[in-house]
PDB file of N, CA and C in Angstrom:
ATOM      1  N   MET A   1       3.314  -3.546  12.214  1.00  0.00           N
ATOM      2  CA  MET A   1       2.499  -2.971  11.495  1.00  0.00           C
ATOM      3  C   MET A   1       2.011  -3.784  10.488  1.00  0.00           C
ATOM      4  N   LEU A   2       1.754  -4.534  10.005  1.00  0.00           N
ATOM      5  CA  LEU A   2       1.559  -5.509   8.683  1.00  0.00           C
ATOM      6  C   LEU A   2       0.230  -4.477   8.046  1.00  0.00           C
ATOM      7  N   LEU A   3       0.670  -3.729   7.564  1.00  0.00           N
ATOM      8  CA  LEU A   3      -1.155  -3.330   6.466  1.00  0.00           C
ATOM      9  C   LEU A   3      -1.118  -3.624   5.193  1.00  0.00           C
ATOM     10  N   VAL A   4      -0.779  -5.512   4.863  1.00  0.00           N
ATOM     11  CA  VAL A   4      -1.061  -5.495   3.623  1.00  0.00           C
ATOM     12  C   VAL A   4      -1.429  -7.055   4.346  1.00  0.00           C
ATOM     13  N   ASP A   5      -2.086  -7.727   3.278  1.00  0.00           N
ATOM     14  CA  ASP A   5      -2.988  -9.065   3.795  1.00  0.00           C
ATOM     15  C   ASP A   5      -1.849 -10.113   2.918  1.00  0.00           C
ATOM     16  N   LYS A   6      -2.680  -9.335   1.696  1.00  0.00           N
ATOM     17  CA  LYS A   6      -1.840 -10.257   0.259  1.00  0.00           C
ATOM     18  C   LYS A   6      -1.992  -9.547  -0.853  1.00  0.00           C
ATOM     19  N   ILE A   7      -0.980 -10.288  -1.843  1.00  0.00           N
ATOM     20  CA  ILE A   7      -0.931  -9.451  -2.709  1.00  0.00           C
ATOM     21  C   ILE A   7      -1.559 -10.081  -4.113  1.00  0.00           C
ATOM     22  N   ILE A   8      -2.486  -9.541  -4.834  1.00  0.00           N
ATOM     23  CA  ILE A   8      -3.510 -10.269  -5.608  1.00  0.00           C
ATOM     24  C   ILE A   8      -3.146  -9.981  -7.067  1.00  0.00           C
ATOM     25  N   SER A   9      -2.134  -9.520  -7.399  1.00  0.00           N
ATOM     26  CA  SER A   9      -1.924  -9.294  -8.556  1.00  0.00           C
ATOM     27  C   SER A   9      -0.410  -8.800  -8.881  1.00  0.00           C
ATOM     28  N   SER A  10       0.533  -9.173  -9.639  1.00  0.00           N
ATOM     29  CA  SER A  10       1.352  -8.430  -9.856  1.00  0.00           C
ATOM     30  C   SER A  10       2.923  -8.385 -10.865  1.00  0.00           C
ATOM     31  N   GLU A  11       2.852  -7.540 -11.495  1.00  0.00           N
ATOM     32  CA  GLU A  11       2.980  -7.091 -12.940  1.00  0.00           C
ATOM     33  C   GLU A  11       4.408  -6.810 -12.830  1.00  0.00           C
ATOM     34  N   SER A  12       5.286  -6.357 -13.849  1.00  0.00           N
ATOM     35  CA  SER A  12       6.366  -5.823 -13.672  1.00  0.00           C
ATOM     36  C   SER A  12       6.031  -4.392 -13.178  1.00  0.00           C
ATOM     37  N   ALA A  13       5.308  -3.598 -13.284  1.00  0.00           N
ATOM     38  CA  ALA A  13       5.153  -2.089 -12.635  1.00  0.00           C
ATOM     39  C   ALA A  13       3.679  -1.916 -12.408  1.00  0.00           C
ATOM     40  N   LYS A  14       2.836  -3.105 -12.395  1.00  0.00           N
ATOM     41  CA  LYS A  14       1.904  -2.755 -11.332  1.00  0.00           C
ATOM     42  C   LYS A  14       1.660  -3.705 -10.704  1.00  0.00           C
ATOM     43  N   GLY A  15       1.000  -3.445  -9.645  1.00  0.00           N
ATOM     44  CA  GLY A  15       0.496  -4.679  -8.504  1.00  0.00           C
ATOM     45  C   GLY A  15      -0.907  -4.255  -7.525  1.00  0.00           C
ATOM     46  N   THR A  16      -1.890  -5.357  -7.678  1.00  0.00           N
ATOM     47  CA  THR A  16      -2.512  -5.197  -6.510  1.00  0.00           C
ATOM     48  C   THR A  16      -2.356  -6.204  -5.484  1.00  0.00           C
ATOM     49  N   THR A  17      -3.016  -4.946  -4.311  1.00  0.00           N
ATOM     50  CA  THR A  17      -3.207  -5.618  -2.406  1.00  0.00           C
ATOM     51  C   THR A  17      -4.301  -5.568  -2.224  1.00  0.00           C
ATOM     52  N   GLU A  18      -4.544  -6.061  -0.581  1.00  0.00           N
ATOM     53  CA  GLU A  18      -5.677  -6.771  -0.350  1.00  0.00           C
ATOM     54  C   GLU A  18      -4.771  -6.328   1.516  1.00  0.00           C
ATOM     55  N   PHE A  19      -5.979  -4.873   1.897  1.00  0.00           N
ATOM     56  CA  PHE A  19      -6.050  -5.079   4.055  1.00  0.00           C
ATOM     57  C   PHE A  19      -7.280  -5.465   3.926  1.00  0.00           C
ATOM     58  N   ALA A  20      -7.737  -6.356   5.220  1.00  0.00           N
ATOM     59  CA  ALA A  20      -8.354  -5.982   5.725  1.00  0.00           C
ATOM     60  C   ALA A  20      -8.416  -5.204   7.282  1.00  0.00           C
ATOM     61  N   VAL A  21      -9.164  -4.365   7.472  1.00  0.00           N
ATOM     62  CA  VAL A  21      -8.874  -3.708   8.441  1.00  0.00           C
ATOM     63  C   VAL A  21      -9.259  -4.199  10.307  1.00  0.00           C
ATOM     64  N   PRO A  22      -8.268  -4.879  10.892  1.00  0.00           N
ATOM     65  CA  PRO A  22      -9.086  -5.498  11.856  1.00  0.00           C
ATOM     66  C   PRO A  22      -9.584  -5.104  12.925  1.00  0.00           C
ATOM     67  N   SER A  23     -10.474  -5.460  14.022  1.00  0.00           N
ATOM     68  CA  SER A  23     -10.770  -4.460  15.030  1.00  0.00           C
ATOM     69  C   SER A  23     -10.088  -4.070  16.231  1.00  0.00           C
ATOM     70  N   ASP A  24      -8.637  -4.421  15.701  1.00  0.00           N
ATOM     71  CA  ASP A  24      -7.231  -4.476  17.148  1.00  0.00           C
ATOM     72  C   ASP A  24      -6.602  -3.563  16.173  1.00  0.00           C
ATOM     73  N   CYS A  25      -6.631  -2.840  15.115  1.00  0.00           N
ATOM     74  CA  CYS A  25      -5.795  -2.105  14.498  1.00  0.00           C
ATOM     75  C   CYS A  25      -5.204  -1.083  15.555  1.00  0.00           C
ATOM     76  N   ILE A  26      -3.933  -0.796  15.112  1.00  0.00           N
ATOM     77  CA  ILE A  26      -3.869   0.453  16.294  1.00  0.00           C
ATOM     78  C   ILE A  26      -3.776   1.916  15.735  1.00  0.00           C
ATOM     79  N   PHE A  27      -4.060   1.967  14.381  1.00  0.00           N
ATOM     80  CA  PHE A  27      -4.644   2.953  13.671  1.00  0.00           C
ATOM     81  C   PHE A  27      -5.732   3.088  13.386  1.00  0.00           C
ATOM     82  N   LEU A  28      -6.883   2.941  14.658  1.00  0.00           N
ATOM     83  CA  LEU A  28      -7.700   2.678  14.687  1.00  0.00           C
ATOM     84  C   LEU A  28      -8.188   3.859  15.634  1.00  0.00           C
ATOM     85  N   ASP A  29      -9.094   5.075  15.541  1.00  0.00           N
ATOM     86  CA  ASP A  29      -9.796   5.896  16.567  1.00  0.00           C
ATOM     87  C   ASP A  29     -11.040   5.098  17.451  1.00  0.00           C
ATOM     88  N   GLU A  30     -11.422   5.894  18.301  1.00  0.00           N
ATOM     89  CA  GLU A  30     -12.166   5.223  19.263  1.00  0.00           C
ATOM     90  C   GLU A  30     -13.824   5.856  18.913  1.00  0.00           C
ATOM     91  N   ASN A  31     -13.912   5.862  17.683  1.00  0.00           N
ATOM     92  CA  ASN A  31     -14.810   5.831  17.112  1.00  0.00           C
ATOM     93  C   ASN A  31     -14.744   4.577  15.964  1.00  0.00           C
ATOM     94  N   GLY A  32     -13.685   3.657  15.843  1.00  0.00           N
ATOM     95  CA  GLY A  32     -13.018   3.204  14.406  1.00  0.00           C
ATOM     96  C   GLY A  32     -13.221   3.190  13.442  1.00  0.00           C
ATOM     97  N   LEU A  33     -12.663   4.803  13.302  1.00  0.00           N
ATOM     98  CA  LEU A  33     -12.315   5.302  11.757  1.00  0.00           C
ATOM     99  C   LEU A  33     -10.389   4.464  11.727  1.00  0.00           C
ATOM    100  N   PHE A  34     -10.372   4.146  10.837  1.00  0.00           N
ATOM    101  CA  PHE A  34      -9.222   4.155  10.361  1.00  0.00           C
ATOM    102  C   PHE A  34      -8.243   5.309   9.968  1.00  0.00           C
ATOM    103  N   SER A  35      -6.928   5.706  10.502  1.00  0.00           N
ATOM    104  CA  SER A  35      -6.607   6.988  10.452  1.00  0.00           C
ATOM    105  C   SER A  35      -5.881   7.117   8.576  1.00  0.00           C
ATOM    106  N   ARG A  36      -6.513   8.375   8.111  1.00  0.00           N
ATOM    107  CA  ARG A  36      -5.815   8.524   7.167  1.00  0.00           C
ATOM    108  C   ARG A  36      -4.311   8.340   6.883  1.00  0.00           C
ATOM    109  N   ALA A  37      -3.298   9.057   7.583  1.00  0.00           N
ATOM    110  CA  ALA A  37      -1.992   8.931   7.234  1.00  0.00           C
ATOM    111  C   ALA A  37      -1.825   7.455   7.619  1.00  0.00           C
ATOM    112  N   ALA A  38      -2.571   6.345   7.844  1.00  0.00           N
ATOM    113  CA  ALA A  38      -2.171   5.380   7.517  1.00  0.00           C
ATOM    114  C   ALA A  38      -2.194   4.176   6.232  1.00  0.00           C
ATOM    115  N   MET A  39      -3.789   4.958   5.729  1.00  0.00           N
ATOM    116  CA  MET A  39      -4.067   5.271   4.068  1.00  0.00           C
ATOM    117  C   MET A  39      -2.397   5.392   3.400  1.00  0.00           C
ATOM    118  N   VAL A  40      -1.940   6.316   3.569  1.00  0.00           N
ATOM    119  CA  VAL A  40      -0.228   6.564   2.871  1.00  0.00           C
ATOM    120  C   VAL A  40       0.172   5.487   2.908  1.00  0.00           C
ATOM    121  N   GLU A  41       0.541   4.659   4.150  1.00  0.00           N
ATOM    122  CA  GLU A  41       1.242   3.370   4.962  1.00  0.00           C
ATOM    123  C   GLU A  41       0.733   2.515   3.879  1.00  0.00           C
ATOM    124  N   VAL A  42       0.094   2.585   4.020  1.00  0.00           N
ATOM    125  CA  VAL A  42      -0.880   0.736   2.871  1.00  0.00           C
ATOM    126  C   VAL A  42      -0.084   0.944   1.649  1.00  0.00           C
ATOM    127  N   ALA A  43      -0.262   2.775   0.779  1.00  0.00           N
ATOM    128  CA  ALA A  43       0.106   2.365  -0.381  1.00  0.00           C
ATOM    129  C   ALA A  43       1.759   2.114  -0.149  1.00  0.00           C
ATOM    130  N   ALA A  44       2.452   2.636   0.559  1.00  0.00           N
ATOM    131  CA  ALA A  44       4.098   2.286   0.894  1.00  0.00           C
ATOM    132  C   ALA A  44       4.203   0.460   0.972  1.00  0.00           C
ATOM    133  N   GLN A  45       3.547   0.582   2.216  1.00  0.00           N
ATOM    134  CA  GLN A  45       3.669  -1.351   2.269  1.00  0.00           C
ATOM    135  C   GLN A  45       3.345  -1.864   1.081  1.00  0.00           C
ATOM    136  N   SER A  46       2.246  -1.529  -0.127  1.00  0.00           N
ATOM    137  CA  SER A  46       1.818  -2.687  -0.703  1.00  0.00           C
ATOM    138  C   SER A  46       2.770  -2.235  -2.194  1.00  0.00           C
ATOM    139  N   PHE A  47       3.450  -0.738  -2.419  1.00  0.00           N
ATOM    140  CA  PHE A  47       4.277  -0.575  -3.119  1.00  0.00           C
ATOM    141  C   PHE A  47       5.629  -2.121  -2.775  1.00  0.00           C
ATOM    142  N   ALA A  48       5.761  -2.377  -1.355  1.00  0.00           N
ATOM    143  CA  ALA A  48       7.020  -2.356  -1.296  1.00  0.00           C
ATOM    144  C   ALA A  48       7.127  -4.300  -0.912  1.00  0.00           C
ATOM    145  N   ALA A  49       5.944  -4.899  -0.479  1.00  0.00           N
ATOM    146  CA  ALA A  49       5.777  -6.397  -1.539  1.00  0.00           C
ATOM    147  C   ALA A  49       5.629  -6.284  -2.759  1.00  0.00           C
ATOM    148  N   HIS A  50       4.936  -5.479  -3.748  1.00  0.00           N
ATOM    149  CA  HIS A  50       5.044  -5.885  -5.400  1.00  0.00           C
ATOM    150  C   HIS A  50       6.596  -6.204  -5.635  1.00  0.00           C
ATOM    151  N   ASP A  51       7.606  -5.083  -5.036  1.00  0.00           N
ATOM    152  CA  ASP A  51       8.806  -4.689  -5.467  1.00  0.00           C
ATOM    153  C   ASP A  51       9.631  -5.773  -4.790  1.00  0.00           C
ATOM    154  N   ILE A  52       9.455  -6.425  -3.991  1.00  0.00           N
ATOM    155  CA  ILE A  52       9.959  -7.502  -3.072  1.00  0.00           C
ATOM    156  C   ILE A  52       9.902  -8.394  -3.822  1.00  0.00           C
ATOM    157  N   TYR A  53       8.041  -8.587  -4.251  1.00  0.00           N
ATOM    158  CA  TYR A  53       7.903 -10.009  -5.009  1.00  0.00           C
ATOM    159  C   TYR A  53       8.637  -9.828  -6.028  1.00  0.00           C
ATOM    160  N   GLN A  54       8.405  -8.882  -6.889  1.00  0.00           N
ATOM    161  CA  GLN A  54       8.804  -8.761  -8.304  1.00  0.00           C
ATOM    162  C   GLN A  54      10.605  -8.765  -7.956  1.00  0.00           C
ATOM    163  N   LYS A  55      11.122  -8.637  -7.347  1.00  0.00           N
ATOM    164  CA  LYS A  55      12.705  -8.579  -6.980  1.00  0.00           C
ATOM    165  C   LYS A  55      12.960 -10.495  -6.795  1.00  0.00           C
ATOM    166  N   THR A  56      12.133 -10.600  -6.054  1.00  0.00           N
ATOM    167  CA  THR A  56      12.379 -12.680  -6.165  1.00  0.00           C
ATOM    168  C   THR A  56      11.949 -13.244  -7.084  1.00  0.00           C
ATOM    169  N   LEU A  57      11.189 -13.135  -8.204  1.00  0.00           N
ATOM    170  CA  LEU A  57      10.370 -13.580  -8.976  1.00  0.00           C
ATOM    171  C   LEU A  57      12.255 -13.977 -10.147  1.00  0.00           C
ATOM    172  N   LYS A  58      12.560 -12.567  -9.940  1.00  0.00           N
ATOM    173  CA  LYS A  58      13.690 -11.902 -11.011  1.00  0.00           C
ATOM    174  C   LYS A  58      15.373 -12.705 -10.329  1.00  0.00           C
ATOM    175  N   LYS A  59      15.240 -13.117  -8.898  1.00  0.00           N
ATOM    176  CA  LYS A  59      16.316 -13.249  -8.254  1.00  0.00           C
ATOM    177  C   LYS A  59      16.932 -12.621  -7.972  1.00  0.00           C
ATOM    178  N   SER A  60      16.919 -11.584  -8.010  1.00  0.00           N
ATOM    179  CA  SER A  60      17.472  -9.931  -7.484  1.00  0.00           C
ATOM    180  C   SER A  60      17.420  -9.747  -6.345  1.00  0.00           C
ATOM    181  N   LYS A  61      18.549  -8.426  -6.333  1.00  0.00           N
ATOM    182  CA  LYS A  61      18.966  -8.612  -4.645  1.00  0.00           C
ATOM    183  C   LYS A  61      17.162  -7.941  -3.730  1.00  0.00           C
ATOM    184  N   VAL A  62      17.080  -7.865  -2.822  1.00  0.00           N
ATOM    185  CA  VAL A  62      16.281  -7.394  -1.820  1.00  0.00           C
ATOM    186  C   VAL A  62      16.874  -6.604  -0.980  1.00  0.00           C
ATOM    187  N   SER A  63      16.135  -5.470  -1.296  1.00  0.00           N
ATOM    188  CA  SER A  63      16.759  -4.258  -0.750  1.00  0.00           C
ATOM    189  C   SER A  63      15.890  -3.157   0.779  1.00  0.00           C
ATOM    190  N   LYS A  64      16.215  -2.573   1.549  1.00  0.00           N
ATOM    191  CA  LYS A  64      15.487  -2.335   2.252  1.00  0.00           C
ATOM    192  C   LYS A  64      14.819  -1.040   1.869  1.00  0.00           C
ATOM    193  N   GLY A  65      13.761  -0.576   1.862  1.00  0.00           N
ATOM    194  CA  GLY A  65      13.149   0.908   1.415  1.00  0.00           C
ATOM    195  C   GLY A  65      12.257   1.571   2.033  1.00  0.00           C
ATOM    196  N   PHE A  66      12.416   2.996   2.309  1.00  0.00           N
ATOM    197  CA  PHE A  66      11.090   4.152   2.829  1.00  0.00           C
ATOM    198  C   PHE A  66      10.671   4.792   2.077  1.00  0.00           C
ATOM    199  N   LEU A  67       9.606   5.439   2.793  1.00  0.00           N
ATOM    200  CA  LEU A  67       8.595   6.458   2.016  1.00  0.00           C
ATOM    201  C   LEU A  67       9.375   7.623   2.500  1.00  0.00           C
ATOM    202  N   VAL A  68       9.487   7.996   1.008  1.00  0.00           N
ATOM    203  CA  VAL A  68      10.208   9.841   1.147  1.00  0.00           C
ATOM    204  C   VAL A  68       9.546  10.673   1.629  1.00  0.00           C
ATOM    205  N   SER A  69       8.510  10.772   0.776  1.00  0.00           N
ATOM    206  CA  SER A  69       7.461  11.493   0.627  1.00  0.00           C
ATOM    207  C   SER A  69       6.126  11.461   0.190  1.00  0.00           C
ATOM    208  N   ALA A  70       5.202  11.968   0.257  1.00  0.00           N
ATOM    209  CA  ALA A  70       4.200  11.868  -0.713  1.00  0.00           C
ATOM    210  C   ALA A  70       3.496  13.249  -1.272  1.00  0.00           C
ATOM    211  N   ARG A  71       3.354  13.399  -2.642  1.00  0.00           N
ATOM    212  CA  ARG A  71       3.221  14.376  -3.443  1.00  0.00           C
ATOM    213  C   ARG A  71       1.559  14.407  -2.835  1.00  0.00           C
ATOM    214  N   SER A  72       1.150  13.592  -3.519  1.00  0.00           N
ATOM    215  CA  SER A  72      -0.937  14.231  -3.151  1.00  0.00           C
ATOM    216  C   SER A  72      -1.064  12.988  -2.065  1.00  0.00           C
ATOM    217  N   PHE A  73      -2.285  13.508  -2.337  1.00  0.00           N
ATOM    218  CA  PHE A  73      -3.099  12.142  -1.201  1.00  0.00           C
ATOM    219  C   PHE A  73      -4.547  12.469  -1.207  1.00  0.00           C
ATOM    220  N   VAL A  74      -5.550  12.416  -1.605  1.00  0.00           N
ATOM    221  CA  VAL A  74      -7.302  12.791  -2.213  1.00  0.00           C
ATOM    222  C   VAL A  74      -8.010  11.792  -1.183  1.00  0.00           C
ATOM    223  N   PHE A  75      -8.436  12.254  -0.330  1.00  0.00           N
ATOM    224  CA  PHE A  75      -9.688  11.047   0.743  1.00  0.00           C
ATOM    225  C   PHE A  75     -10.835  11.318   0.004  1.00  0.00           C
ATOM    226  N   PHE A  76     -11.897  10.116  -0.486  1.00  0.00           N
ATOM    227  CA  PHE A  76     -13.331  10.302  -1.043  1.00  0.00           C
ATOM    228  C   PHE A  76     -14.297  10.099   0.109  1.00  0.00           C
ATOM    229  N   SER A  77     -12.880   9.195   0.556  1.00  0.00           N
ATOM    230  CA  SER A  77     -14.464   8.581   2.464  1.00  0.00           C
ATOM    231  C   SER A  77     -12.976   7.894   3.466  1.00  0.00           C
ATOM    232  N   ASP A  78     -13.637   7.528   4.277  1.00  0.00           N
ATOM    233  CA  ASP A  78     -12.671   7.333   5.565  1.00  0.00           C
ATOM    234  C   ASP A  78     -13.238   5.285   5.205  1.00  0.00           C
ATOM    235  N   ALA A  79     -11.963   5.020   5.623  1.00  0.00           N
ATOM    236  CA  ALA A  79     -12.325   3.897   6.396  1.00  0.00           C
ATOM    237  C   ALA A  79     -12.638   3.031   7.888  1.00  0.00           C
ATOM    238  N   GLN A  80     -12.694   2.284   8.343  1.00  0.00           N
ATOM    239  CA  GLN A  80     -13.356   1.987   9.066  1.00  0.00           C
ATOM    240  C   GLN A  80     -12.814   0.080   9.924  1.00  0.00           C
ATOM    241  N   LYS A  81     -13.053  -0.316  11.016  1.00  0.00           N
ATOM    242  CA  LYS A  81     -12.697  -1.226  10.920  1.00  0.00           C
ATOM    243  C   LYS A  81     -13.542  -2.282  10.438  1.00  0.00           C
ATOM    244  N   GLY A  82     -13.083  -3.428   9.695  1.00  0.00           N
ATOM    245  CA  GLY A  82     -13.696  -4.639   9.251  1.00  0.00           C
ATOM    246  C   GLY A  82     -13.891  -4.264   7.496  1.00  0.00           C
ATOM    247  N   ASP A  83     -13.536  -2.852   7.369  1.00  0.00           N
ATOM    248  CA  ASP A  83     -13.373  -2.795   5.821  1.00  0.00           C
ATOM    249  C   ASP A  83     -12.417  -3.569   4.764  1.00  0.00           C
ATOM    250  N   LYS A  84     -12.680  -4.046   3.836  1.00  0.00           N
ATOM    251  CA  LYS A  84     -11.197  -4.441   3.059  1.00  0.00           C
ATOM    252  C   LYS A  84     -10.933  -3.290   2.269  1.00  0.00           C
ATOM    253  N   LEU A  85      -9.863  -3.189   2.155  1.00  0.00           N
ATOM    254  CA  LEU A  85      -8.797  -2.530   0.928  1.00  0.00           C
ATOM    255  C   LEU A  85      -7.941  -2.864   0.714  1.00  0.00           C
ATOM    256  N   VAL A  86      -8.206  -2.270  -0.895  1.00  0.00           N
ATOM    257  CA  VAL A  86      -7.832  -2.877  -2.368  1.00  0.00           C
ATOM    258  C   VAL A  86      -7.031  -1.720  -2.857  1.00  0.00           C
ATOM    259  N   CYS A  87      -5.637  -1.700  -2.992  1.00  0.00           N
ATOM    260  CA  CYS A  87      -4.291  -1.225  -3.546  1.00  0.00           C
ATOM    261  C   CYS A  87      -4.151  -1.488  -4.881  1.00  0.00           C
ATOM    262  N   ARG A  88      -3.574  -0.990  -5.371  1.00  0.00           N
ATOM    263  CA  ARG A  88      -3.475  -0.893  -7.094  1.00  0.00           C
ATOM    264  C   ARG A  88      -2.702   0.743  -6.781  1.00  0.00           C
ATOM    265  N   LEU A  89      -1.505  -0.188  -7.547  1.00  0.00           N
ATOM    266  CA  LEU A  89      -0.687   1.058  -7.864  1.00  0.00           C
ATOM    267  C   LEU A  89       0.385   0.615  -9.178  1.00  0.00           C
ATOM    268  N   GLU A  90       0.803   1.914  -9.494  1.00  0.00           N
ATOM    269  CA  GLU A  90       1.426   1.733 -10.822  1.00  0.00           C
ATOM    270  C   GLU A  90       2.952   2.469 -10.497  1.00  0.00           C
ATOM    271  N   LYS A  91       3.794   1.637 -10.256  1.00  0.00           N
ATOM    272  CA  LYS A  91       5.398   2.444 -10.987  1.00  0.00           C
ATOM    273  C   LYS A  91       4.900   3.339 -12.251  1.00  0.00           C
ATOM    274  N   THR A  92       5.348   4.558 -11.810  1.00  0.00           N
ATOM    275  CA  THR A  92       5.299   5.550 -12.873  1.00  0.00           C
ATOM    276  C   THR A  92       6.824   5.931 -13.805  1.00  0.00           C
ATOM    277  N   ASP A  93       7.919   5.703 -12.122  1.00  0.00           N
ATOM    278  CA  ASP A  93       9.286   6.416 -12.531  1.00  0.00           C
ATOM    279  C   ASP A  93      10.051   6.169 -11.949  1.00  0.00           C
ATOM    280  N   GLU A  94      11.367   6.111 -12.097  1.00  0.00           N
ATOM    281  CA  GLU A  94      12.604   5.598 -10.865  1.00  0.00           C
ATOM    282  C   GLU A  94      13.710   6.762 -11.427  1.00  0.00           C
ATOM    283  N   ILE A  95      13.880   7.175 -10.608  1.00  0.00           N
ATOM    284  CA  ILE A  95      15.234   8.185 -10.810  1.00  0.00           C
ATOM    285  C   ILE A  95      16.110   8.047  -9.080  1.00  0.00           C
ATOM    286  N   ALA A  96      17.734   7.751 -10.052  1.00  0.00           N
ATOM    287  CA  ALA A  96      18.270   7.483  -8.526  1.00  0.00           C
ATOM    288  C   ALA A  96      17.732   6.735  -7.744  1.00  0.00           C
ATOM    289  N   LYS A  97      17.042   5.317  -8.040  1.00  0.00           N
ATOM    290  CA  LYS A  97      17.164   4.371  -7.232  1.00  0.00           C
ATOM    291  C   LYS A  97      15.753   4.844  -6.110  1.00  0.00           C
ATOM    292  N   LEU A  98      15.145   6.002  -6.663  1.00  0.00           N
ATOM    293  CA  LEU A  98      14.178   6.067  -6.108  1.00  0.00           C
ATOM    294  C   LEU A  98      13.105   6.333  -7.063  1.00  0.00           C
ATOM    295  N   HIS A  99      12.104   5.353  -6.431  1.00  0.00           N
ATOM    296  CA  HIS A  99      10.498   5.389  -6.801  1.00  0.00           C
ATOM    297  C   HIS A  99       9.281   5.822  -7.120  1.00  0.00           C
ATOM    298  N   MET A 100       8.632   6.093  -8.071  1.00  0.00           N
ATOM    299  CA  MET A 100       7.861   7.445  -7.791  1.00  0.00           C
ATOM    300  C   MET A 100       6.429   6.195  -8.416  1.00  0.00           C
ATOM    301  N   LEU A 101       5.276   6.180  -7.682  1.00  0.00           N
ATOM    302  CA  LEU A 101       4.197   6.081  -8.174  1.00  0.00           C
ATOM    303  C   LEU A 101       3.011   6.589  -7.621  1.00  0.00           C
ATOM    304  N   LEU A 102       2.289   6.212  -8.223  1.00  0.00           N
ATOM    305  CA  LEU A 102       0.368   6.065  -8.312  1.00  0.00           C
ATOM    306  C   LEU A 102      -0.183   5.442  -7.556  1.00  0.00           C
ATOM    307  N   ALA A 103      -0.883   5.750  -6.526  1.00  0.00           N
ATOM    308  CA  ALA A 103      -1.443   3.788  -5.707  1.00  0.00           C
ATOM    309  C   ALA A 103      -3.048   4.674  -5.988  1.00  0.00           C
ATOM    310  N   GLU A 104      -3.954   3.931  -5.924  1.00  0.00           N
ATOM    311  CA  GLU A 104      -5.308   3.849  -5.754  1.00  0.00           C
ATOM    312  C   GLU A 104      -6.007   2.770  -4.764  1.00  0.00           C
ATOM    313  N   ILE A 105      -6.606   3.523  -3.303  1.00  0.00           N
ATOM    314  CA  ILE A 105      -7.300   2.758  -2.216  1.00  0.00           C
ATOM    315  C   ILE A 105      -8.710   2.640  -2.487  1.00  0.00           C
ATOM    316  N   LEU A 106      -9.250   1.636  -2.546  1.00  0.00           N
ATOM    317  CA  LEU A 106     -11.056   1.386  -2.776  1.00  0.00           C
ATOM    318  C   LEU A 106     -11.357   0.967  -1.914  1.00  0.00           C
ATOM    319  N   LYS A 107     -12.092   1.102  -1.012  1.00  0.00           N
ATOM    320  CA  LYS A 107     -12.517   0.651   0.472  1.00  0.00           C
ATOM    321  C   LYS A 107     -14.150   0.118  -0.159  1.00  0.00           C
ATOM    322  N   ASN A 108     -13.846  -1.539  -0.065  1.00  0.00           N
ATOM    323  CA  ASN A 108     -15.156  -2.622  -0.258  1.00  0.00           C
ATOM    324  C   ASN A 108     -15.748  -2.652  -1.197  1.00  0.00           C
ATOM    325  N   GLY A 109     -14.587  -2.444  -2.533  1.00  0.00           N
ATOM    326  CA  GLY A 109     -14.709  -2.442  -3.835  1.00  0.00           C
ATOM    327  C   GLY A 109     -15.504  -0.963  -4.432  1.00  0.00           C
TER     328      GLY A 109
END
């Protein structure tokens, strides 16, 4: 269940990814709407892709990561099949190997 198609940009604490919702996505409902819970997973996978890319550049050890919690998520619109989602993220803090981040997902620009 890969929810990142490509990394658009990646700096030390910021990154941007892209995902086009395919018509056969398991997170689409019967009306073709993309699950809001899957949006949280898009943000989590976007950070993971960014983090792995940065560690690879630095030749650092890559480790597994897990989404532990989402403090808040606000939805202004639903996504559906065919939509292009761009996730912009910023790592805001790190405490005991836990990364805190701010993510914003834009639909079709």
